[in-house]
Amino acid sequence: MNIFPKQIKLSEQKDKLLIIWNDDSVNSISLMTLRKLCPCATCLTEKENQSPSYIPLFSENQIKISSLKQVGNYAISVTWQDGHNTGIYEFPFLKLICEKTD
């Protein structure tokens, strides 16, 4: 069975992404975690260039979402308040993040 979200929305506190999956499971991901795991080429390169002990610090506008858009039938695109918008989070990747952080 392919896993995909039936609904994705921000939590009432606007600090987590809530996902209801087609198997009726429900998960949440903190926006901090979502930003830390941004899969775009720029963020991946930046992470590769850091030491293993590097801990990224984000300003408030880097962990607040301006908009979410569905990308085809396989992912979402997140636009952060600081303008960063190149990360495309595929649904299996989101589910994996959920399973590792719940």
PDB file of N, CA and C in Angstrom:
ATOM      1  N   MET A   1       0.846  -1.188   0.000  1.00  0.00           N
ATOM      2  CA  MET A   1       0.000   0.000   0.000  1.00  0.00           C
ATOM      3  C   MET A   1       0.886   1.244   0.000  1.00  0.00           C
ATOM      4  N   ASN A   2       0.605   2.158  -0.889  1.00  0.00           N
ATOM      5  CA  ASN A   2       1.331   3.432  -0.901  1.00  0.00           C
ATOM      6  C   ASN A   2       0.800   4.317   0.210  1.00  0.00           C
ATOM      7  N   ILE A   3       1.723   4.914   0.937  1.00  0.00           N
ATOM      8  CA  ILE A   3       1.330   5.807   2.021  1.00  0.00           C
ATOM      9  C   ILE A   3       1.295   7.239   1.500  1.00  0.00           C
ATOM     10  N   PHE A   4       0.204   7.928   1.787  1.00  0.00           N
ATOM     11  CA  PHE A   4       0.107   9.335   1.423  1.00  0.00           C
ATOM     12  C   PHE A   4      -0.796  10.024   2.427  1.00  0.00           C
ATOM     13  N   PRO A   5      -0.620  11.313   2.595  1.00  0.00           N
ATOM     14  CA  PRO A   5      -1.429  12.036   3.571  1.00  0.00           C
ATOM     15  C   PRO A   5      -2.828  12.348   3.041  1.00  0.00           C
ATOM     16  N   LYS A   6      -3.818  12.171   3.919  1.00  0.00           N
ATOM     17  CA  LYS A   6      -5.180  12.610   3.611  1.00  0.00           C
ATOM     18  C   LYS A   6      -5.331  14.082   3.975  1.00  0.00           C
ATOM     19  N   GLN A   7      -4.571  14.505   5.006  1.00  0.00           N
ATOM     20  CA  GLN A   7      -4.629  15.896   5.439  1.00  0.00           C
ATOM     21  C   GLN A   7      -3.303  16.296   6.063  1.00  0.00           C
ATOM     22  N   ILE A   8      -2.863  17.517   5.756  1.00  0.00           N
ATOM     23  CA  ILE A   8      -1.667  18.102   6.370  1.00  0.00           C
ATOM     24  C   ILE A   8      -2.044  19.501   6.803  1.00  0.00           C
ATOM     25  N   LYS A   9      -1.758  19.823   8.061  1.00  0.00           N
ATOM     26  CA  LYS A   9      -2.068  21.171   8.546  1.00  0.00           C
ATOM     27  C   LYS A   9      -1.124  21.534   9.686  1.00  0.00           C
ATOM     28  N   LEU A  10      -1.067  22.822   9.982  1.00  0.00           N
ATOM     29  CA  LEU A  10      -0.278  23.290  11.117  1.00  0.00           C
ATOM     30  C   LEU A  10      -1.065  23.065  12.405  1.00  0.00           C
ATOM     31  N   SER A  11      -0.345  22.778  13.481  1.00  0.00           N
ATOM     32  CA  SER A  11      -0.984  22.646  14.792  1.00  0.00           C
ATOM     33  C   SER A  11      -1.529  24.006  15.232  1.00  0.00           C
ATOM     34  N   GLU A  12      -2.403  24.000  16.226  1.00  0.00           N
ATOM     35  CA  GLU A  12      -2.968  25.257  16.727  1.00  0.00           C
ATOM     36  C   GLU A  12      -1.886  26.217  17.204  1.00  0.00           C
ATOM     37  N   GLN A  13      -0.813  25.684  17.781  1.00  0.00           N
ATOM     38  CA  GLN A  13       0.292  26.518  18.266  1.00  0.00           C
ATOM     39  C   GLN A  13       1.223  26.941  17.145  1.00  0.00           C
ATOM     40  N   LYS A  14       0.993  26.423  15.942  1.00  0.00           N
ATOM     41  CA  LYS A  14       1.800  26.743  14.751  1.00  0.00           C
ATOM     42  C   LYS A  14       3.263  26.328  14.904  1.00  0.00           C
ATOM     43  N   ASP A  15       3.510  25.263  15.721  1.00  0.00           N
ATOM     44  CA  ASP A  15       4.880  24.800  15.912  1.00  0.00           C
ATOM     45  C   ASP A  15       5.113  23.383  15.402  1.00  0.00           C
ATOM     46  N   LYS A  16       4.043  22.752  14.887  1.00  0.00           N
ATOM     47  CA  LYS A  16       4.144  21.383  14.378  1.00  0.00           C
ATOM     48  C   LYS A  16       3.308  21.238  13.119  1.00  0.00           C
ATOM     49  N   LEU A  17       3.718  20.282  12.296  1.00  0.00           N
ATOM     50  CA  LEU A  17       2.946  19.890  11.132  1.00  0.00           C
ATOM     51  C   LEU A  17       2.196  18.621  11.526  1.00  0.00           C
ATOM     52  N   LEU A  18       0.875  18.633  11.414  1.00  0.00           N
ATOM     53  CA  LEU A  18       0.055  17.476  11.739  1.00  0.00           C
ATOM     54  C   LEU A  18      -0.325  16.771  10.442  1.00  0.00           C
ATOM     55  N   ILE A  19      -0.167  15.456  10.420  1.00  0.00           N
ATOM     56  CA  ILE A  19      -0.440  14.684   9.207  1.00  0.00           C
ATOM     57  C   ILE A  19      -1.361  13.516   9.543  1.00  0.00           C
ATOM     58  N   ILE A  20      -2.454  13.425   8.786  1.00  0.00           N
ATOM     59  CA  ILE A  20      -3.338  12.268   8.860  1.00  0.00           C
ATOM     60  C   ILE A  20      -3.096  11.486   7.571  1.00  0.00           C
ATOM     61  N   TRP A  21      -2.664  10.232   7.735  1.00  0.00           N
ATOM     62  CA  TRP A  21      -2.281   9.397   6.595  1.00  0.00           C
ATOM     63  C   TRP A  21      -3.459   8.572   6.093  1.00  0.00           C
ATOM     64  N   ASN A  22      -3.328   8.036   4.897  1.00  0.00           N
ATOM     65  CA  ASN A  22      -4.394   7.240   4.301  1.00  0.00           C
ATOM     66  C   ASN A  22      -4.644   5.917   5.032  1.00  0.00           C
ATOM     67  N   ASP A  23      -3.739   5.512   5.922  1.00  0.00           N
ATOM     68  CA  ASP A  23      -3.984   4.332   6.756  1.00  0.00           C
ATOM     69  C   ASP A  23      -4.615   4.722   8.094  1.00  0.00           C
ATOM     70  N   ASP A  24      -5.030   6.003   8.199  1.00  0.00           N
ATOM     71  CA  ASP A  24      -5.671   6.600   9.382  1.00  0.00           C
ATOM     72  C   ASP A  24      -4.727   6.796  10.564  1.00  0.00           C
ATOM     73  N   SER A  25      -3.435   6.589  10.369  1.00  0.00           N
ATOM     74  CA  SER A  25      -2.489   6.947  11.428  1.00  0.00           C
ATOM     75  C   SER A  25      -2.321   8.464  11.419  1.00  0.00           C
ATOM     76  N   VAL A  26      -1.965   8.996  12.578  1.00  0.00           N
ATOM     77  CA  VAL A  26      -1.794  10.438  12.734  1.00  0.00           C
ATOM     78  C   VAL A  26      -0.416  10.690  13.321  1.00  0.00           C
ATOM     79  N   ASN A  27       0.308  11.620  12.723  1.00  0.00           N
ATOM     80  CA  ASN A  27       1.643  11.975  13.208  1.00  0.00           C
ATOM     81  C   ASN A  27       1.790  13.482  13.264  1.00  0.00           C
ATOM     82  N   SER A  28       2.808  13.900  13.996  1.00  0.00           N
ATOM     83  CA  SER A  28       3.175  15.317  13.998  1.00  0.00           C
ATOM     84  C   SER A  28       4.694  15.430  13.914  1.00  0.00           C
ATOM     85  N   ILE A  29       5.134  16.504  13.297  1.00  0.00           N
ATOM     86  CA  ILE A  29       6.563  16.786  13.158  1.00  0.00           C
ATOM     87  C   ILE A  29       6.772  18.212  13.609  1.00  0.00           C
ATOM     88  N   SER A  30       7.725  18.427  14.515  1.00  0.00           N
ATOM     89  CA  SER A  30       8.007  19.803  14.902  1.00  0.00           C
ATOM     90  C   SER A  30       8.580  20.551  13.702  1.00  0.00           C
ATOM     91  N   LEU A  31       8.262  21.820  13.588  1.00  0.00           N
ATOM     92  CA  LEU A  31       8.774  22.613  12.475  1.00  0.00           C
ATOM     93  C   LEU A  31      10.284  22.741  12.541  1.00  0.00           C
ATOM     94  N   MET A  32      10.838  22.724  13.742  1.00  0.00           N
ATOM     95  CA  MET A  32      12.294  22.754  13.898  1.00  0.00           C
ATOM     96  C   MET A  32      12.911  21.518  13.240  1.00  0.00           C
ATOM     97  N   THR A  33      12.336  20.350  13.518  1.00  0.00           N
ATOM     98  CA  THR A  33      12.833  19.109  12.914  1.00  0.00           C
ATOM     99  C   THR A  33      12.666  19.138  11.405  1.00  0.00           C
ATOM    100  N   LEU A  34      11.512  19.608  10.948  1.00  0.00           N
ATOM    101  CA  LEU A  34      11.265  19.681   9.513  1.00  0.00           C
ATOM    102  C   LEU A  34      12.304  20.553   8.821  1.00  0.00           C
ATOM    103  N   ARG A  35      12.620  21.692   9.432  1.00  0.00           N
ATOM    104  CA  ARG A  35      13.613  22.598   8.831  1.00  0.00           C
ATOM    105  C   ARG A  35      15.010  21.978   8.889  1.00  0.00           C
ATOM    106  N   LYS A  36      15.366  21.361  10.010  1.00  0.00           N
ATOM    107  CA  LYS A  36      16.684  20.724  10.126  1.00  0.00           C
ATOM    108  C   LYS A  36      16.891  19.649   9.073  1.00  0.00           C
ATOM    109  N   LEU A  37      15.810  18.984   8.681  1.00  0.00           N
ATOM    110  CA  LEU A  37      15.905  17.877   7.736  1.00  0.00           C
ATOM    111  C   LEU A  37      15.520  18.289   6.315  1.00  0.00           C
ATOM    112  N   CYS A  38      15.596  19.567   6.031  1.00  0.00           N
ATOM    113  CA  CYS A  38      15.271  20.051   4.686  1.00  0.00           C
ATOM    114  C   CYS A  38      16.089  19.272   3.657  1.00  0.00           C
ATOM    115  N   PRO A  39      15.405  18.665   2.669  1.00  0.00           N
ATOM    116  CA  PRO A  39      16.110  17.829   1.699  1.00  0.00           C
ATOM    117  C   PRO A  39      16.655  18.559   0.470  1.00  0.00           C
ATOM    118  N   CYS A  40      16.618  19.882   0.465  1.00  0.00           N
ATOM    119  CA  CYS A  40      17.091  20.591  -0.738  1.00  0.00           C
ATOM    120  C   CYS A  40      18.617  20.498  -0.860  1.00  0.00           C
ATOM    121  N   ALA A  41      19.106  20.701  -2.059  1.00  0.00           N
ATOM    122  CA  ALA A  41      20.545  20.588  -2.338  1.00  0.00           C
ATOM    123  C   ALA A  41      21.358  21.581  -1.515  1.00  0.00           C
ATOM    124  N   THR A  42      20.858  22.798  -1.353  1.00  0.00           N
ATOM    125  CA  THR A  42      21.583  23.815  -0.582  1.00  0.00           C
ATOM    126  C   THR A  42      21.763  23.376   0.862  1.00  0.00           C
ATOM    127  N   CYS A  43      20.681  22.918   1.488  1.00  0.00           N
ATOM    128  CA  CYS A  43      20.768  22.502   2.893  1.00  0.00           C
ATOM    129  C   CYS A  43      21.613  21.244   3.057  1.00  0.00           C
ATOM    130  N   LEU A  44      21.484  20.299   2.125  1.00  0.00           N
ATOM    131  CA  LEU A  44      22.296  19.075   2.212  1.00  0.00           C
ATOM    132  C   LEU A  44      23.781  19.389   2.089  1.00  0.00           C
ATOM    133  N   THR A  45      24.141  20.287   1.181  1.00  0.00           N
ATOM    134  CA  THR A  45      25.540  20.683   1.011  1.00  0.00           C
ATOM    135  C   THR A  45      26.048  21.387   2.265  1.00  0.00           C
ATOM    136  N   GLU A  46      25.221  22.258   2.823  1.00  0.00           N
ATOM    137  CA  GLU A  46      25.610  22.973   4.042  1.00  0.00           C
ATOM    138  C   GLU A  46      25.871  21.993   5.181  1.00  0.00           C
ATOM    139  N   LYS A  47      25.009  20.974   5.320  1.00  0.00           N
ATOM    140  CA  LYS A  47      25.188  19.966   6.371  1.00  0.00           C
ATOM    141  C   LYS A  47      26.465  19.161   6.148  1.00  0.00           C
ATOM    142  N   GLU A  48      26.748  18.808   4.895  1.00  0.00           N
ATOM    143  CA  GLU A  48      27.950  18.028   4.583  1.00  0.00           C
ATOM    144  C   GLU A  48      29.221  18.792   4.917  1.00  0.00           C
ATOM    145  N   ASN A  49      29.177  20.112   4.834  1.00  0.00           N
ATOM    146  CA  ASN A  49      30.357  20.939   5.081  1.00  0.00           C
ATOM    147  C   ASN A  49      30.577  21.247   6.564  1.00  0.00           C
ATOM    148  N   GLN A  50      29.670  20.800   7.419  1.00  0.00           N
ATOM    149  CA  GLN A  50      29.792  21.054   8.862  1.00  0.00           C
ATOM    150  C   GLN A  50      30.425  19.844   9.553  1.00  0.00           C
ATOM    151  N   SER A  51      30.966  20.090  10.726  1.00  0.00           N
ATOM    152  CA  SER A  51      31.513  18.983  11.512  1.00  0.00           C
ATOM    153  C   SER A  51      30.354  18.169  12.089  1.00  0.00           C
ATOM    154  N   PRO A  52      30.602  16.918  12.464  1.00  0.00           N
ATOM    155  CA  PRO A  52      29.536  16.073  13.023  1.00  0.00           C
ATOM    156  C   PRO A  52      28.932  16.636  14.307  1.00  0.00           C
ATOM    157  N   SER A  53      29.669  17.470  15.014  1.00  0.00           N
ATOM    158  CA  SER A  53      29.151  18.023  16.268  1.00  0.00           C
ATOM    159  C   SER A  53      28.405  19.339  16.072  1.00  0.00           C
ATOM    160  N   TYR A  54      28.275  19.792  14.825  1.00  0.00           N
ATOM    161  CA  TYR A  54      27.591  21.050  14.525  1.00  0.00           C
ATOM    162  C   TYR A  54      26.114  20.966  14.893  1.00  0.00           C
ATOM    163  N   ILE A  55      25.627  21.967  15.609  1.00  0.00           N
ATOM    164  CA  ILE A  55      24.214  22.063  15.965  1.00  0.00           C
ATOM    165  C   ILE A  55      23.674  23.340  15.341  1.00  0.00           C
ATOM    166  N   PRO A  56      22.777  23.205  14.347  1.00  0.00           N
ATOM    167  CA  PRO A  56      22.257  24.411  13.694  1.00  0.00           C
ATOM    168  C   PRO A  56      21.333  25.196  14.624  1.00  0.00           C
ATOM    169  N   LEU A  57      21.437  26.498  14.569  1.00  0.00           N
ATOM    170  CA  LEU A  57      20.549  27.381  15.321  1.00  0.00           C
ATOM    171  C   LEU A  57      19.710  28.140  14.304  1.00  0.00           C
ATOM    172  N   PHE A  58      18.414  28.187  14.543  1.00  0.00           N
ATOM    173  CA  PHE A  58      17.513  28.848  13.612  1.00  0.00           C
ATOM    174  C   PHE A  58      16.841  30.033  14.285  1.00  0.00           C
ATOM    175  N   SER A  59      16.659  31.101  13.517  1.00  0.00           N
ATOM    176  CA  SER A  59      15.886  32.231  14.015  1.00  0.00           C
ATOM    177  C   SER A  59      14.405  31.885  13.900  1.00  0.00           C
ATOM    178  N   GLU A  60      13.570  32.659  14.538  1.00  0.00           N
ATOM    179  CA  GLU A  60      12.139  32.379  14.558  1.00  0.00           C
ATOM    180  C   GLU A  60      11.539  32.301  13.153  1.00  0.00           C
ATOM    181  N   ASN A  61      11.942  33.208  12.262  1.00  0.00           N
ATOM    182  CA  ASN A  61      11.349  33.190  10.921  1.00  0.00           C
ATOM    183  C   ASN A  61      11.854  32.018  10.071  1.00  0.00           C
ATOM    184  N   GLN A  62      12.886  31.322  10.523  1.00  0.00           N
ATOM    185  CA  GLN A  62      13.371  30.145   9.797  1.00  0.00           C
ATOM    186  C   GLN A  62      12.590  28.881  10.157  1.00  0.00           C
ATOM    187  N   ILE A  63      11.805  28.933  11.227  1.00  0.00           N
ATOM    188  CA  ILE A  63      11.024  27.764  11.621  1.00  0.00           C
ATOM    189  C   ILE A  63       9.523  28.068  11.651  1.00  0.00           C
ATOM    190  N   LYS A  64       9.117  29.088  10.938  1.00  0.00           N
ATOM    191  CA  LYS A  64       7.696  29.408  10.758  1.00  0.00           C
ATOM    192  C   LYS A  64       7.363  29.234   9.286  1.00  0.00           C
ATOM    193  N   ILE A  65       6.246  28.605   9.019  1.00  0.00           N
ATOM    194  CA  ILE A  65       5.842  28.322   7.644  1.00  0.00           C
ATOM    195  C   ILE A  65       4.948  29.428   7.101  1.00  0.00           C
ATOM    196  N   SER A  66       5.276  29.895   5.892  1.00  0.00           N
ATOM    197  CA  SER A  66       4.425  30.857   5.192  1.00  0.00           C
ATOM    198  C   SER A  66       3.352  30.134   4.391  1.00  0.00           C
ATOM    199  N   SER A  67       3.761  29.043   3.708  1.00  0.00           N
ATOM    200  CA  SER A  67       2.787  28.289   2.918  1.00  0.00           C
ATOM    201  C   SER A  67       3.246  26.859   2.682  1.00  0.00           C
ATOM    202  N   LEU A  68       2.269  26.007   2.439  1.00  0.00           N
ATOM    203  CA  LEU A  68       2.482  24.608   2.063  1.00  0.00           C
ATOM    204  C   LEU A  68       1.782  24.391   0.737  1.00  0.00           C
ATOM    205  N   LYS A  69       2.431  23.669  -0.175  1.00  0.00           N
ATOM    206  CA  LYS A  69       1.819  23.362  -1.461  1.00  0.00           C
ATOM    207  C   LYS A  69       2.085  21.900  -1.787  1.00  0.00           C
ATOM    208  N   GLN A  70       1.080  21.255  -2.345  1.00  0.00           N
ATOM    209  CA  GLN A  70       1.272  19.888  -2.788  1.00  0.00           C
ATOM    210  C   GLN A  70       2.054  19.889  -4.091  1.00  0.00           C
ATOM    211  N   VAL A  71       2.981  18.951  -4.216  1.00  0.00           N
ATOM    212  CA  VAL A  71       3.768  18.777  -5.435  1.00  0.00           C
ATOM    213  C   VAL A  71       3.332  17.449  -6.048  1.00  0.00           C
ATOM    214  N   GLY A  72       2.586  17.518  -7.127  1.00  0.00           N
ATOM    215  CA  GLY A  72       2.075  16.307  -7.749  1.00  0.00           C
ATOM    216  C   GLY A  72       1.327  15.460  -6.749  1.00  0.00           C
ATOM    217  N   ASN A  73       1.505  14.152  -6.864  1.00  0.00           N
ATOM    218  CA  ASN A  73       0.887  13.206  -5.931  1.00  0.00           C
ATOM    219  C   ASN A  73       1.922  12.559  -5.032  1.00  0.00           C
ATOM    220  N   TYR A  74       3.062  13.262  -4.826  1.00  0.00           N
ATOM    221  CA  TYR A  74       4.142  12.583  -4.114  1.00  0.00           C
ATOM    222  C   TYR A  74       4.837  13.407  -3.028  1.00  0.00           C
ATOM    223  N   ALA A  75       4.538  14.701  -2.906  1.00  0.00           N
ATOM    224  CA  ALA A  75       5.325  15.516  -1.974  1.00  0.00           C
ATOM    225  C   ALA A  75       4.605  16.818  -1.627  1.00  0.00           C
ATOM    226  N   ILE A  76       5.205  17.530  -0.669  1.00  0.00           N
ATOM    227  CA  ILE A  76       4.797  18.904  -0.374  1.00  0.00           C
ATOM    228  C   ILE A  76       6.020  19.805  -0.490  1.00  0.00           C
ATOM    229  N   SER A  77       5.744  21.044  -0.813  1.00  0.00           N
ATOM    230  CA  SER A  77       6.773  22.077  -0.848  1.00  0.00           C
ATOM    231  C   SER A  77       6.457  23.045   0.281  1.00  0.00           C
ATOM    232  N   VAL A  78       7.467  23.392   1.060  1.00  0.00           N
ATOM    233  CA  VAL A  78       7.293  24.297   2.192  1.00  0.00           C
ATOM    234  C   VAL A  78       7.981  25.614   1.871  1.00  0.00           C
ATOM    235  N   THR A  79       7.270  26.706   2.088  1.00  0.00           N
ATOM    236  CA  THR A  79       7.883  28.025   2.032  1.00  0.00           C
ATOM    237  C   THR A  79       7.958  28.536   3.455  1.00  0.00           C
ATOM    238  N   TRP A  80       9.174  28.803   3.904  1.00  0.00           N
ATOM    239  CA  TRP A  80       9.413  29.286   5.258  1.00  0.00           C
ATOM    240  C   TRP A  80       9.358  30.812   5.259  1.00  0.00           C
ATOM    241  N   GLN A  81       9.106  31.410   6.415  1.00  0.00           N
ATOM    242  CA  GLN A  81       8.982  32.868   6.498  1.00  0.00           C
ATOM    243  C   GLN A  81      10.254  33.608   6.109  1.00  0.00           C
ATOM    244  N   ASP A  82      11.406  32.938   6.171  1.00  0.00           N
ATOM    245  CA  ASP A  82      12.644  33.603   5.759  1.00  0.00           C
ATOM    246  C   ASP A  82      12.844  33.538   4.245  1.00  0.00           C
ATOM    247  N   GLY A  83      11.873  32.958   3.511  1.00  0.00           N
ATOM    248  CA  GLY A  83      11.940  32.895   2.062  1.00  0.00           C
ATOM    249  C   GLY A  83      12.470  31.590   1.508  1.00  0.00           C
ATOM    250  N   HIS A  84      13.048  30.738   2.343  1.00  0.00           N
ATOM    251  CA  HIS A  84      13.570  29.457   1.867  1.00  0.00           C
ATOM    252  C   HIS A  84      12.406  28.601   1.372  1.00  0.00           C
ATOM    253  N   ASN A  85      12.519  28.084   0.136  1.00  0.00           N
ATOM    254  CA  ASN A  85      11.390  27.340  -0.423  1.00  0.00           C
ATOM    255  C   ASN A  85      11.800  26.238  -1.398  1.00  0.00           C
ATOM    256  N   THR A  86      13.026  25.780  -1.320  1.00  0.00           N
ATOM    257  CA  THR A  86      13.490  24.799  -2.304  1.00  0.00           C
ATOM    258  C   THR A  86      13.401  23.352  -1.826  1.00  0.00           C
ATOM    259  N   GLY A  87      12.987  23.134  -0.593  1.00  0.00           N
ATOM    260  CA  GLY A  87      12.876  21.768  -0.080  1.00  0.00           C
ATOM    261  C   GLY A  87      11.567  21.127  -0.499  1.00  0.00           C
ATOM    262  N   ILE A  88      11.652  19.970  -1.138  1.00  0.00           N
ATOM    263  CA  ILE A  88      10.467  19.195  -1.486  1.00  0.00           C
ATOM    264  C   ILE A  88      10.498  17.933  -0.629  1.00  0.00           C
ATOM    265  N   TYR A  89       9.499  17.813   0.225  1.00  0.00           N
ATOM    266  CA  TYR A  89       9.421  16.711   1.180  1.00  0.00           C
ATOM    267  C   TYR A  89       8.505  15.632   0.610  1.00  0.00           C
ATOM    268  N   GLU A  90       9.098  14.553   0.117  1.00  0.00           N
ATOM    269  CA  GLU A  90       8.304  13.459  -0.425  1.00  0.00           C
ATOM    270  C   GLU A  90       7.565  12.748   0.710  1.00  0.00           C
ATOM    271  N   PHE A  91       6.381  12.219   0.406  1.00  0.00           N
ATOM    272  CA  PHE A  91       5.543  11.608   1.444  1.00  0.00           C
ATOM    273  C   PHE A  91       6.238  10.480   2.196  1.00  0.00           C
ATOM    274  N   PRO A  92       6.946   9.543   1.531  1.00  0.00           N
ATOM    275  CA  PRO A  92       7.640   8.502   2.301  1.00  0.00           C
ATOM    276  C   PRO A  92       8.693   9.087   3.259  1.00  0.00           C
ATOM    277  N   PHE A  93       9.359  10.183   2.837  1.00  0.00           N
ATOM    278  CA  PHE A  93      10.340  10.844   3.700  1.00  0.00           C
ATOM    279  C   PHE A  93       9.641  11.450   4.923  1.00  0.00           C
ATOM    280  N   LEU A  94       8.486  12.084   4.720  1.00  0.00           N
ATOM    281  CA  LEU A  94       7.727  12.635   5.851  1.00  0.00           C
ATOM    282  C   LEU A  94       7.319  11.533   6.820  1.00  0.00           C
ATOM    283  N   LYS A  95       6.862  10.412   6.284  1.00  0.00           N
ATOM    284  CA  LYS A  95       6.450   9.295   7.148  1.00  0.00           C
ATOM    285  C   LYS A  95       7.642   8.769   7.937  1.00  0.00           C
ATOM    286  N   LEU A  96       8.787   8.669   7.295  1.00  0.00           N
ATOM    287  CA  LEU A  96      10.001   8.221   7.977  1.00  0.00           C
ATOM    288  C   LEU A  96      10.379   9.175   9.103  1.00  0.00           C
ATOM    289  N   ILE A  97      10.317  10.467   8.837  1.00  0.00           N
ATOM    290  CA  ILE A  97      10.603  11.468   9.888  1.00  0.00           C
ATOM    291  C   ILE A  97       9.637  11.260  11.047  1.00  0.00           C
ATOM    292  N   CYS A  98       8.375  11.086  10.740  1.00  0.00           N
ATOM    293  CA  CYS A  98       7.365  10.887  11.790  1.00  0.00           C
ATOM    294  C   CYS A  98       7.689   9.668  12.649  1.00  0.00           C
ATOM    295  N   GLU A  99       8.023   8.580  12.011  1.00  0.00           N
ATOM    296  CA  GLU A  99       8.313   7.345  12.748  1.00  0.00           C
ATOM    297  C   GLU A  99       9.547   7.473  13.620  1.00  0.00           C
ATOM    298  N   LYS A 100      10.515   8.247  13.174  1.00  0.00           N
ATOM    299  CA  LYS A 100      11.753   8.402  13.943  1.00  0.00           C
ATOM    300  C   LYS A 100      11.622   9.430  15.071  1.00  0.00           C
ATOM    301  N   THR A 101      10.655  10.340  14.964  1.00  0.00           N
ATOM    302  CA  THR A 101      10.557  11.400  15.973  1.00  0.00           C
ATOM    303  C   THR A 101       9.361  11.265  16.897  1.00  0.00           C
ATOM    304  N   ASP A 102       8.395  10.411  16.564  1.00  0.00           N
ATOM    305  CA  ASP A 102       7.222  10.248  17.438  1.00  0.00           C
ATOM    306  C   ASP A 102       7.581   9.543  18.733  1.00  0.00           C
TER     307      ASP A 102
END
